[in-house]
Amino acid sequence: MATLPSAASPSWQPLGPEDEDASLDQYDLYSLAHPYIVGGGRKGRTKREAATNTNRPSPGGHERKLVTKFQNSERKKARR
């Protein structure tokens, strides 16, 4: 049976900014190394991660909504 290392092992050190993934640039490393006092603003994500996982406004979003409303109103008028 394999034994797991103890959680309070003195040899374990938390990873520093230099040990992070090579895909992170200097700004991502800075934002990870310097936590913000104010909580919850970025959910622990870097700016790059937030930009790739955000809802972007659709250029035709409002127009599509207006067209749908207009088409539905025309259908209602045709049924009367």
C-alpha atoms as a PDB file:
ATOM      1  CA  MET A   1       0.000   0.000   0.000  1.00  0.00           C
ATOM      2  CA  ALA A   2       1.433   3.372  -0.984  1.00  0.00           C
ATOM      3  CA  THR A   3       1.673   6.076   1.620  1.00  0.00           C
ATOM      4  CA  LEU A   4       0.795   9.634   0.836  1.00  0.00           C
ATOM      5  CA  PRO A   5       3.090  12.449   1.955  1.00  0.00           C
ATOM      6  CA  SER A   6       1.807  14.362   4.926  1.00  0.00           C
ATOM      7  CA  ALA A   7       0.077  17.652   4.235  1.00  0.00           C
ATOM      8  CA  ALA A   8       2.277  19.536   6.695  1.00  0.00           C
ATOM      9  CA  SER A   9       5.545  18.409   5.143  1.00  0.00           C
ATOM     10  CA  PRO A  10       8.256  21.052   5.717  1.00  0.00           C
ATOM     11  CA  SER A  11       9.856  20.281   2.338  1.00  0.00           C
ATOM     12  CA  TRP A  12       6.763  21.414   0.428  1.00  0.00           C
ATOM     13  CA  GLN A  13       6.934  25.024  -0.715  1.00  0.00           C
ATOM     14  CA  PRO A  14       4.181  26.925  -2.531  1.00  0.00           C
ATOM     15  CA  LEU A  15       4.964  27.673  -6.149  1.00  0.00           C
ATOM     16  CA  GLY A  16       6.310  31.120  -6.842  1.00  0.00           C
ATOM     17  CA  PRO A  17       5.648  33.264  -9.914  1.00  0.00           C
ATOM     18  CA  GLU A  18       8.767  31.893 -11.632  1.00  0.00           C
ATOM     19  CA  ASP A  19       7.387  28.335 -11.348  1.00  0.00           C
ATOM     20  CA  GLU A  20       4.140  29.159 -13.149  1.00  0.00           C
ATOM     21  CA  ASP A  21       3.209  27.911 -16.591  1.00  0.00           C
ATOM     22  CA  ALA A  22       5.371  29.237 -19.432  1.00  0.00           C
ATOM     23  CA  SER A  23       2.288  30.470 -21.307  1.00  0.00           C
ATOM     24  CA  LEU A  24       1.733  33.278 -18.803  1.00  0.00           C
ATOM     25  CA  ASP A  25       3.253  36.625 -19.678  1.00  0.00           C
ATOM     26  CA  GLN A  26       4.653  39.173 -17.231  1.00  0.00           C
ATOM     27  CA  TYR A  27       1.277  40.865 -16.687  1.00  0.00           C
ATOM     28  CA  ASP A  28      -0.471  37.588 -15.901  1.00  0.00           C
ATOM     29  CA  LEU A  29       2.294  36.669 -13.473  1.00  0.00           C
ATOM     30  CA  TYR A  30       2.024  40.068 -11.790  1.00  0.00           C
ATOM     31  CA  SER A  31      -1.725  39.747 -11.357  1.00  0.00           C
ATOM     32  CA  LEU A  32      -1.300  36.274  -9.859  1.00  0.00           C
ATOM     33  CA  ALA A  33       1.589  37.258  -7.578  1.00  0.00           C
ATOM     34  CA  HIS A  34      -0.073  40.398  -6.196  1.00  0.00           C
ATOM     35  CA  PRO A  35      -3.544  39.598  -4.909  1.00  0.00           C
ATOM     36  CA  TYR A  36      -6.059  42.380  -4.707  1.00  0.00           C
ATOM     37  CA  ILE A  37      -7.372  43.533  -1.359  1.00  0.00           C
ATOM     38  CA  VAL A  38     -10.855  44.054  -2.774  1.00  0.00           C
ATOM     39  CA  GLY A  39     -12.466  40.691  -3.342  1.00  0.00           C
ATOM     40  CA  GLY A  40     -14.349  39.063  -6.148  1.00  0.00           C
ATOM     41  CA  GLY A  41     -13.646  41.447  -8.988  1.00  0.00           C
ATOM     42  CA  ARG A  42     -11.942  38.952 -11.254  1.00  0.00           C
ATOM     43  CA  LYS A  43     -12.867  35.596  -9.698  1.00  0.00           C
ATOM     44  CA  GLY A  44      -9.193  34.678  -9.458  1.00  0.00           C
ATOM     45  CA  ARG A  45      -8.678  34.804 -13.216  1.00  0.00           C
ATOM     46  CA  THR A  46      -6.118  36.740 -15.169  1.00  0.00           C
ATOM     47  CA  LYS A  47      -7.192  39.468 -17.557  1.00  0.00           C
ATOM     48  CA  ARG A  48      -6.452  37.204 -20.500  1.00  0.00           C
ATOM     49  CA  GLU A  49      -8.597  34.384 -19.101  1.00  0.00           C
ATOM     50  CA  ALA A  50     -11.429  36.792 -18.354  1.00  0.00           C
ATOM     51  CA  ALA A  51     -11.253  38.197 -21.884  1.00  0.00           C
ATOM     52  CA  THR A  52     -11.457  34.758 -23.475  1.00  0.00           C
ATOM     53  CA  ASN A  53     -14.305  33.575 -21.232  1.00  0.00           C
ATOM     54  CA  THR A  54     -16.571  36.597 -21.288  1.00  0.00           C
ATOM     55  CA  ASN A  55     -19.823  37.274 -23.070  1.00  0.00           C
ATOM     56  CA  ARG A  56     -19.110  39.622 -25.902  1.00  0.00           C
ATOM     57  CA  PRO A  57     -21.894  41.814 -27.256  1.00  0.00           C
ATOM     58  CA  SER A  58     -23.250  40.504 -30.511  1.00  0.00           C
ATOM     59  CA  PRO A  59     -23.066  43.170 -33.225  1.00  0.00           C
ATOM     60  CA  GLY A  60     -26.485  42.108 -34.490  1.00  0.00           C
ATOM     61  CA  GLY A  61     -28.029  41.362 -31.118  1.00  0.00           C
ATOM     62  CA  HIS A  62     -30.435  44.264 -30.750  1.00  0.00           C
ATOM     63  CA  GLU A  63     -31.262  44.306 -34.434  1.00  0.00           C
ATOM     64  CA  ARG A  64     -32.140  40.624 -34.299  1.00  0.00           C
ATOM     65  CA  LYS A  65     -34.380  41.251 -31.287  1.00  0.00           C
ATOM     66  CA  LEU A  66     -36.160  44.094 -33.074  1.00  0.00           C
ATOM     67  CA  VAL A  67     -36.647  42.033 -36.234  1.00  0.00           C
ATOM     68  CA  THR A  68     -38.094  39.168 -34.194  1.00  0.00           C
ATOM     69  CA  LYS A  69     -40.522  41.507 -32.423  1.00  0.00           C
ATOM     70  CA  PHE A  70     -41.552  43.056 -35.730  1.00  0.00           C
ATOM     71  CA  GLN A  71     -42.090  39.646 -37.355  1.00  0.00           C
ATOM     72  CA  ASN A  72     -44.159  38.452 -34.403  1.00  0.00           C
ATOM     73  CA  SER A  73     -46.319  41.577 -34.488  1.00  0.00           C
ATOM     74  CA  GLU A  74     -46.864  41.119 -38.234  1.00  0.00           C
ATOM     75  CA  ARG A  75     -47.936  37.512 -37.634  1.00  0.00           C
ATOM     76  CA  LYS A  76     -50.402  38.660 -34.985  1.00  0.00           C
ATOM     77  CA  LYS A  77     -51.842  41.259 -37.375  1.00  0.00           C
ATOM     78  CA  ALA A  78     -52.199  38.633 -40.119  1.00  0.00           C
ATOM     79  CA  ARG A  79     -54.120  36.288 -37.793  1.00  0.00           C
ATOM     80  CA  ARG A  80     -56.735  38.931 -36.942  1.00  0.00           C
END
